Amino acid sequence: MVSSIWKTLFIRNVGAGRPFLHECPCHARRNVSSIFLVYRLFFSSRSTEGSYAIENAKLVTNILRDYGFDDTAISKVARLCPSIYRLSAEKNILPKLEFFISIGISSSDLPKVLLRRPRVFASSLKNQIAPCYDYLKMFPDCEERFIQMLKYRPGILLSNVDKCLAPNLDLLRGLEIPMSSIAFLVTRCAPAMSRNHDKFKGFVNQLVAMGMNPLIKTFISALHVLCAVSKETWEVKVKLYKSFGLSDEEIISAFKKQPSIMALSVKKLARTMEFLMNEKSLDKLVIVNDPSVLLLSFENRIAPRFHVVEILIKKGLEKKFSYSFFLRLKEEEFLERYCYKFKDELPELMDIYSEGRSILKKCESSCFST
């Protein structure tokens, strides 16, 4: 009975290149020996083929262990990229591991890097991974940054050079965008460069239609945001801004100044806008003219600093203040200007500020845990 279940899972999933361990019992997913059990059960009537498959599976597992993968990591690879066990351990798996070590990925980082995108194991080193790496590292002064980026986004090596990367790069070059800016896009916003060329071109044209200058750095930031935010999410955020009185033109104006305002989570955006616009009656033009305020931490900076300044005004110790001024001050500068300066008149002010931040952090944590 057990054998028939394992065989069914194997035939249905591994044979089609799908993650069979996803359907297996939890204890089996964590047990590397389960992989060999499946092979033995499936290939028991095929002595030659079965013997090779089992031995290859052992070799793959041993090689992964030699390169720092523990049993949990190996099981995760098998679950997410089952085809790894249909590849030659010595001809396919080992050369890929050696390649990543050779380009600067440390042996301690290697398992973490490849677990972020296990499908890299199933890709051709000669025809995909190495050519893509060679193409991307050609940008001036970006090889070291590119290696750092690979640690977090190894999937960029699965990008199609001829159909995506090269035409996208040519498009940016045609707009005379500096290579330094393109290198920034490659190393900091790699998924944007690997987008389908037609979609990528559409995003570029959209920014040009907004009146953005391709030669300024915010153009690249805006392009990254457009590539990362879905059309549906974009529309949700536009609707949210409009609910606080901003027009289409004002939203675009703010976006052009600080593209990241459209990359904020809806929750963060709604909370900050509600606080500034409704609770503090901030004029919308403050947001339009200085949208970077929205990027500041609500619980660490915006709310506690407003509280401190309002206390000072209420006590008659401050009369005028600029929102942008006190929100943008570095922490030590804010403390010096608004807390330490009035320690004789309000010795408790520093405690109020610190406790307020602590309470807001706890509220934030409880919100995310529910």
Protein backbone atom coordinates (compact mmCIF):
# COMPACT_ATOMS: atom_id res chain seq x y z
CA MET A 1 0.00 0.00 0.00
CA VAL A 2 2.77 2.43 0.99
CA SER A 3 4.77 1.52 -2.09
CA SER A 4 1.84 2.23 -4.40
CA ILE A 5 1.30 5.67 -2.85
CA TRP A 6 4.96 6.63 -3.26
CA LYS A 7 5.02 5.34 -6.81
CA THR A 8 1.90 7.30 -7.69
CA LEU A 9 3.39 10.52 -6.29
CA PHE A 10 6.64 9.91 -8.12
CA ILE A 11 5.05 9.13 -11.50
CA ARG A 12 2.59 12.02 -11.30
CA ASN A 13 5.06 14.64 -10.16
CA VAL A 14 8.74 13.84 -10.65
CA GLY A 15 8.13 12.36 -14.04
CA ALA A 16 6.57 15.68 -15.06
CA GLY A 17 9.23 17.77 -13.33
CA ARG A 18 6.91 18.83 -10.50
CA PRO A 19 7.78 18.88 -6.77
CA PHE A 20 6.58 15.48 -5.55
CA LEU A 21 7.67 16.07 -1.93
CA HIS A 22 5.06 18.81 -1.66
CA GLU A 23 2.41 16.05 -1.48
CA CYS A 24 4.38 13.78 0.81
CA PRO A 25 3.92 13.59 4.61
CA CYS A 26 5.69 16.30 6.58
CA HIS A 27 8.21 13.89 8.12
CA ALA A 28 9.13 12.63 4.66
CA ARG A 29 9.75 16.14 3.37
CA ARG A 30 12.36 16.62 6.07
CA ASN A 31 13.99 13.22 5.58
CA VAL A 32 16.52 13.03 2.76
CA SER A 33 16.42 9.21 2.85
CA SER A 34 12.82 9.43 1.60
CA ILE A 35 14.21 10.50 -1.77
CA PHE A 36 16.13 7.23 -2.07
CA LEU A 37 13.08 5.24 -0.90
CA VAL A 38 11.04 6.66 -3.75
CA TYR A 39 13.71 5.80 -6.29
CA ARG A 40 14.07 2.26 -4.98
CA LEU A 41 10.31 1.68 -5.03
CA PHE A 42 9.80 3.16 -8.47
CA PHE A 43 12.76 1.54 -10.14
CA SER A 44 12.64 -1.82 -8.37
CA SER A 45 11.54 -3.60 -11.57
CA ARG A 46 14.07 -1.73 -13.74
CA SER A 47 17.39 -2.95 -12.41
CA THR A 48 19.75 -1.07 -14.75
CA GLU A 49 17.85 2.20 -14.84
CA GLY A 50 16.97 1.97 -11.18
CA SER A 51 20.53 1.32 -10.08
CA TYR A 52 21.82 4.34 -12.00
CA ALA A 53 19.03 6.61 -10.69
CA ILE A 54 19.60 5.64 -7.09
CA GLU A 55 23.37 6.03 -7.33
CA ASN A 56 23.00 9.39 -9.08
CA ALA A 57 20.59 10.58 -6.39
CA LYS A 58 23.15 9.61 -3.76
CA LEU A 59 25.88 11.45 -5.65
CA VAL A 60 23.74 14.58 -6.00
CA THR A 61 22.99 14.55 -2.28
CA ASN A 62 26.62 13.96 -1.31
CA ILE A 63 27.82 16.77 -3.59
CA LEU A 64 25.27 19.16 -2.09
CA ARG A 65 26.45 18.18 1.38
CA ASP A 66 30.07 18.78 0.37
CA TYR A 67 29.08 22.33 -0.62
CA GLY A 68 27.38 23.13 2.68
CA PHE A 69 23.77 22.01 2.16
CA ASP A 70 22.30 20.37 5.26
CA ASP A 71 19.41 17.86 5.17
CA THR A 72 16.78 20.59 5.48
CA ALA A 73 18.27 22.50 2.56
CA ILE A 74 18.57 19.35 0.43
CA SER A 75 14.94 18.44 1.09
CA LYS A 76 13.89 21.94 0.11
CA VAL A 77 15.83 21.69 -3.15
CA ALA A 78 14.17 18.32 -3.88
CA ARG A 79 10.75 19.75 -3.11
CA LEU A 80 11.13 22.87 -5.24
CA CYS A 81 13.32 21.50 -8.03
CA PRO A 82 12.77 17.72 -8.23
CA SER A 83 14.39 17.52 -11.65
CA ILE A 84 17.76 17.96 -9.93
CA TYR A 85 17.74 14.20 -9.34
CA ARG A 86 17.31 13.51 -13.05
CA LEU A 87 20.49 15.47 -13.81
CA SER A 88 23.98 14.06 -13.79
CA ALA A 89 25.65 14.80 -10.48
CA GLU A 90 29.10 15.20 -11.99
CA LYS A 91 28.23 16.74 -15.37
CA ASN A 92 25.42 19.10 -14.33
CA ILE A 93 25.25 19.76 -10.60
CA LEU A 94 28.92 19.90 -9.64
CA PRO A 95 29.95 22.37 -12.42
CA LYS A 96 27.17 24.78 -11.37
CA LEU A 97 28.31 24.76 -7.76
CA GLU A 98 31.92 25.29 -8.84
CA PHE A 99 30.83 28.15 -11.11
CA PHE A 100 29.13 30.07 -8.29
CA ILE A 101 32.17 29.62 -6.06
CA SER A 102 34.44 30.82 -8.90
CA ILE A 103 32.53 34.09 -9.41
CA GLY A 104 32.76 35.08 -5.76
CA ILE A 105 29.87 33.44 -3.90
CA SER A 106 31.37 32.15 -0.65
CA SER A 107 30.88 28.52 0.38
CA SER A 108 28.95 29.69 3.44
CA ASP A 109 26.58 31.79 1.30
CA LEU A 110 26.14 29.26 -1.51
CA PRO A 111 23.28 27.18 -0.01
CA LYS A 112 21.32 30.31 0.96
CA VAL A 113 21.81 31.83 -2.50
CA LEU A 114 20.69 28.78 -4.46
CA LEU A 115 17.78 28.05 -2.13
CA ARG A 116 16.36 31.44 -3.10
CA ARG A 117 15.92 30.10 -6.64
CA PRO A 118 16.49 26.31 -6.80
CA ARG A 119 15.40 26.25 -10.45
CA VAL A 120 18.91 27.52 -11.24
CA PHE A 121 20.00 23.88 -10.74
CA ALA A 122 17.87 22.79 -13.70
CA SER A 123 19.19 25.47 -16.06
CA SER A 124 22.06 24.96 -18.47
CA LEU A 125 25.35 26.38 -17.22
CA LYS A 126 26.80 26.62 -20.71
CA ASN A 127 23.74 27.95 -22.56
CA GLN A 128 21.99 30.05 -19.87
CA ILE A 129 23.71 30.78 -16.58
CA ALA A 130 27.26 31.58 -17.74
CA PRO A 131 26.25 33.66 -20.82
CA CYS A 132 23.75 35.64 -18.75
CA TYR A 133 26.37 36.30 -16.07
CA ASP A 134 28.94 37.38 -18.68
CA TYR A 135 26.43 39.76 -20.24
CA LEU A 136 25.35 41.38 -16.99
CA LYS A 137 28.83 41.82 -15.50
CA MET A 138 30.00 43.88 -18.49
CA PHE A 139 28.66 47.11 -17.03
CA PRO A 140 31.42 49.46 -15.82
CA ASP A 141 32.37 49.20 -12.14
CA CYS A 142 29.40 47.00 -11.27
CA GLU A 143 30.86 43.48 -11.04
CA GLU A 144 31.32 43.60 -7.27
CA ARG A 145 27.82 45.05 -6.76
CA PHE A 146 26.46 42.46 -9.16
CA ILE A 147 27.83 39.62 -7.02
CA GLN A 148 26.16 41.16 -3.98
CA MET A 149 22.89 41.37 -5.93
CA LEU A 150 23.20 37.71 -6.99
CA LYS A 151 23.21 36.67 -3.34
CA TYR A 152 19.63 37.87 -3.06
CA ARG A 153 18.34 37.54 -6.63
CA PRO A 154 20.05 34.57 -8.32
CA GLY A 155 16.99 34.20 -10.54
CA ILE A 156 18.30 37.03 -12.72
CA LEU A 157 20.62 34.42 -14.26
CA LEU A 158 17.54 32.74 -15.75
CA SER A 159 16.73 35.85 -17.79
CA ASN A 160 16.62 35.65 -21.57
CA VAL A 161 19.53 37.71 -22.86
CA ASP A 162 18.44 37.91 -26.52
CA LYS A 163 14.73 38.54 -25.96
CA CYS A 164 14.76 40.61 -22.76
CA LEU A 165 18.06 41.89 -21.38
CA ALA A 166 19.72 42.98 -24.62
CA PRO A 167 16.71 44.76 -26.21
CA ASN A 168 15.86 46.42 -22.88
CA LEU A 169 19.42 47.69 -22.59
CA ASP A 170 19.40 48.93 -26.20
CA LEU A 171 16.18 50.82 -25.52
CA LEU A 172 17.73 52.64 -22.55
CA ARG A 173 20.87 53.39 -24.50
CA GLY A 174 18.74 54.84 -27.28
CA LEU A 175 17.38 57.35 -24.75
CA GLU A 176 21.00 58.27 -23.93
CA ILE A 177 20.59 57.15 -20.33
CA PRO A 178 24.04 57.11 -18.67
CA MET A 179 25.64 53.71 -18.26
CA SER A 180 26.03 54.43 -14.54
CA SER A 181 22.25 54.66 -14.25
CA ILE A 182 21.75 51.49 -16.27
CA ALA A 183 24.31 49.73 -14.05
CA PHE A 184 22.28 50.87 -11.03
CA LEU A 185 19.16 49.31 -12.56
CA VAL A 186 21.03 46.06 -13.20
CA THR A 187 22.57 45.73 -9.75
CA ARG A 188 19.81 47.20 -7.57
CA CYS A 189 16.66 46.53 -9.58
CA ALA A 190 17.61 43.46 -11.60
CA PRO A 191 14.08 42.05 -12.12
CA ALA A 192 13.15 45.21 -14.02
CA MET A 193 15.80 44.58 -16.67
CA SER A 194 14.61 41.02 -17.19
CA ARG A 195 11.01 41.98 -17.95
CA ASN A 196 9.41 41.10 -21.27
CA HIS A 197 10.65 43.67 -23.79
CA ASP A 198 7.21 44.82 -24.95
CA LYS A 199 6.11 45.45 -21.36
CA PHE A 200 9.42 47.09 -20.52
CA LYS A 201 9.10 49.39 -23.53
CA GLY A 202 5.54 50.23 -22.46
CA PHE A 203 6.76 51.30 -19.02
CA VAL A 204 9.49 53.47 -20.54
CA ASN A 205 6.99 55.13 -22.88
CA GLN A 206 4.63 55.68 -19.95
CA LEU A 207 7.31 57.59 -18.06
CA VAL A 208 8.23 59.65 -21.11
CA ALA A 209 4.53 60.49 -21.56
CA MET A 210 4.48 61.71 -17.94
CA GLY A 211 7.18 64.20 -18.89
CA MET A 212 10.02 62.51 -17.01
CA ASN A 213 13.51 63.22 -18.24
CA PRO A 214 15.37 59.96 -18.98
CA LEU A 215 18.66 61.61 -18.08
CA ILE A 216 17.82 62.15 -14.41
CA LYS A 217 18.28 59.43 -11.80
CA THR A 218 14.63 59.38 -10.72
CA PHE A 219 13.73 58.07 -14.18
CA ILE A 220 15.47 54.78 -13.37
CA SER A 221 13.83 54.64 -9.94
CA ALA A 222 10.43 55.28 -11.52
CA LEU A 223 11.06 52.57 -14.11
CA HIS A 224 11.89 50.11 -11.35
CA VAL A 225 8.66 50.94 -9.51
CA LEU A 226 6.52 50.57 -12.65
CA CYS A 227 8.10 47.18 -13.34
CA ALA A 228 7.56 46.02 -9.77
CA VAL A 229 4.01 47.25 -9.07
CA SER A 230 1.13 45.50 -10.81
CA LYS A 231 -1.48 47.52 -12.68
CA GLU A 232 -4.14 46.49 -10.16
CA THR A 233 -2.03 47.59 -7.17
CA TRP A 234 -1.16 50.85 -8.91
CA GLU A 235 -4.84 51.62 -9.39
CA VAL A 236 -5.59 50.82 -5.74
CA LYS A 237 -2.94 53.31 -4.62
CA VAL A 238 -4.12 55.99 -7.04
CA LYS A 239 -7.64 55.55 -5.65
CA LEU A 240 -6.27 55.85 -2.11
CA TYR A 241 -4.45 59.10 -2.89
CA LYS A 242 -7.57 60.48 -4.51
CA SER A 243 -9.59 59.67 -1.40
CA PHE A 244 -7.40 62.21 0.40
CA GLY A 245 -8.08 64.90 -2.18
CA LEU A 246 -5.15 64.53 -4.58
CA SER A 247 -5.88 64.88 -8.29
CA ASP A 248 -4.40 62.71 -11.05
CA GLU A 249 -1.99 65.52 -11.92
CA GLU A 250 -0.89 65.93 -8.29
CA ILE A 251 -0.33 62.18 -7.91
CA ILE A 252 1.84 62.10 -11.03
CA SER A 253 3.71 65.19 -9.85
CA ALA A 254 4.47 63.54 -6.50
CA PHE A 255 5.47 60.29 -8.19
CA LYS A 256 7.90 62.09 -10.48
CA LYS A 257 9.57 63.69 -7.45
CA GLN A 258 9.70 60.47 -5.41
CA PRO A 259 8.75 57.30 -7.35
CA SER A 260 8.95 55.11 -4.25
CA ILE A 261 5.65 56.50 -2.94
CA MET A 262 3.94 54.03 -5.31
CA ALA A 263 6.01 51.14 -3.95
CA LEU A 264 4.81 51.58 -0.36
CA SER A 265 2.39 49.00 0.97
CA VAL A 266 -1.25 50.04 0.89
CA LYS A 267 -1.41 49.63 4.67
CA LYS A 268 1.60 51.89 5.31
CA LEU A 269 0.34 54.44 2.81
CA ALA A 270 -3.19 54.55 4.23
CA ARG A 271 -2.00 54.88 7.81
CA THR A 272 0.46 57.67 7.09
CA MET A 273 -1.96 59.62 4.88
CA GLU A 274 -4.75 59.29 7.44
CA PHE A 275 -2.47 60.63 10.16
CA LEU A 276 -1.02 63.53 8.16
CA MET A 277 -4.07 64.62 6.19
CA ASN A 278 -6.95 63.95 8.56
CA GLU A 279 -5.54 63.84 12.10
CA LYS A 280 -2.97 66.62 11.59
CA SER A 281 -4.85 68.51 8.86
CA LEU A 282 -1.78 68.74 6.67
CA ASP A 283 -2.35 70.55 3.39
CA LYS A 284 -2.16 68.15 0.46
CA LEU A 285 0.38 70.39 -1.24
CA VAL A 286 2.89 69.45 1.47
CA ILE A 287 2.66 65.86 0.20
CA VAL A 288 2.68 66.89 -3.46
CA ASN A 289 5.72 69.14 -3.03
CA ASP A 290 7.63 66.87 -0.64
CA PRO A 291 6.35 63.29 -1.12
CA SER A 292 9.46 61.80 0.49
CA VAL A 293 7.78 62.44 3.86
CA LEU A 294 5.60 59.42 3.13
CA LEU A 295 8.64 57.14 3.13
CA LEU A 296 9.55 57.97 6.72
CA SER A 297 8.76 55.43 9.42
CA PHE A 298 5.39 56.15 10.99
CA GLU A 299 6.10 54.59 14.40
CA ASN A 300 9.77 55.61 14.68
CA ARG A 301 9.63 59.13 13.33
CA ILE A 302 6.39 60.71 12.09
CA ALA A 303 3.98 60.09 14.99
CA PRO A 304 6.38 60.48 17.96
CA ARG A 305 7.97 63.64 16.54
CA PHE A 306 4.60 65.25 15.92
CA HIS A 307 3.68 64.45 19.51
CA VAL A 308 6.82 66.12 20.89
CA VAL A 309 6.43 69.26 18.78
CA GLU A 310 2.74 69.58 19.67
CA ILE A 311 3.62 69.43 23.38
CA LEU A 312 6.19 72.21 22.90
CA ILE A 313 3.65 74.37 21.08
CA LYS A 314 1.03 73.74 23.75
CA LYS A 315 3.52 74.80 26.46
CA GLY A 316 4.41 77.90 24.48
CA LEU A 317 8.00 76.77 23.95
CA GLU A 318 7.65 76.61 20.15
CA LYS A 319 5.58 78.84 17.89
CA LYS A 320 6.36 78.03 14.29
CA PHE A 321 7.56 74.83 12.74
CA SER A 322 7.97 73.24 9.34
CA TYR A 323 6.70 69.69 8.94
CA SER A 324 9.46 68.80 6.54
CA PHE A 325 12.08 70.38 8.79
CA PHE A 326 11.49 68.46 12.01
CA LEU A 327 10.59 65.21 10.25
CA ARG A 328 13.75 65.21 8.16
CA LEU A 329 16.20 65.99 10.95
CA LYS A 330 18.61 63.21 11.88
CA GLU A 331 17.76 61.56 15.18
CA GLU A 332 20.48 63.26 17.21
CA GLU A 333 19.67 66.62 15.63
CA PHE A 334 15.99 66.24 16.48
CA LEU A 335 16.76 65.30 20.07
CA GLU A 336 19.11 68.27 20.44
CA ARG A 337 16.68 70.73 18.84
CA TYR A 338 13.41 69.58 20.42
CA CYS A 339 14.18 67.47 23.52
CA TYR A 340 17.54 68.28 25.16
CA LYS A 341 17.03 72.00 24.57
CA PHE A 342 13.98 72.02 26.88
CA LYS A 343 15.18 69.53 29.51
CA ASP A 344 14.89 72.14 32.25
CA GLU A 345 11.34 73.23 31.35
CA LEU A 346 10.14 69.71 30.41
CA PRO A 347 12.49 67.07 31.89
CA GLU A 348 9.97 64.35 31.05
CA LEU A 349 9.92 65.17 27.31
CA MET A 350 12.66 62.70 26.43
CA ASP A 351 10.81 59.89 28.21
CA ILE A 352 7.57 60.83 26.46
CA TYR A 353 9.33 60.63 23.10
CA SER A 354 11.03 57.29 23.84
CA GLU A 355 7.93 55.69 25.36
CA GLY A 356 5.80 56.88 22.46
CA ARG A 357 8.10 55.18 19.97
CA SER A 358 8.11 51.99 22.03
CA ILE A 359 4.32 51.87 22.26
CA LEU A 360 3.91 52.49 18.54
CA LYS A 361 6.39 49.71 17.75
CA LYS A 362 4.44 47.27 19.93
CA CYS A 363 1.19 48.31 18.24
CA GLU A 364 2.80 47.80 14.85
CA SER A 365 4.06 44.35 15.82
CA SER A 366 0.67 43.28 17.14
CA CYS A 367 -1.01 44.53 13.95
CA PHE A 368 1.29 42.42 11.78
CA SER A 369 0.92 39.33 13.99
CA THR A 370 -2.88 39.29 13.79
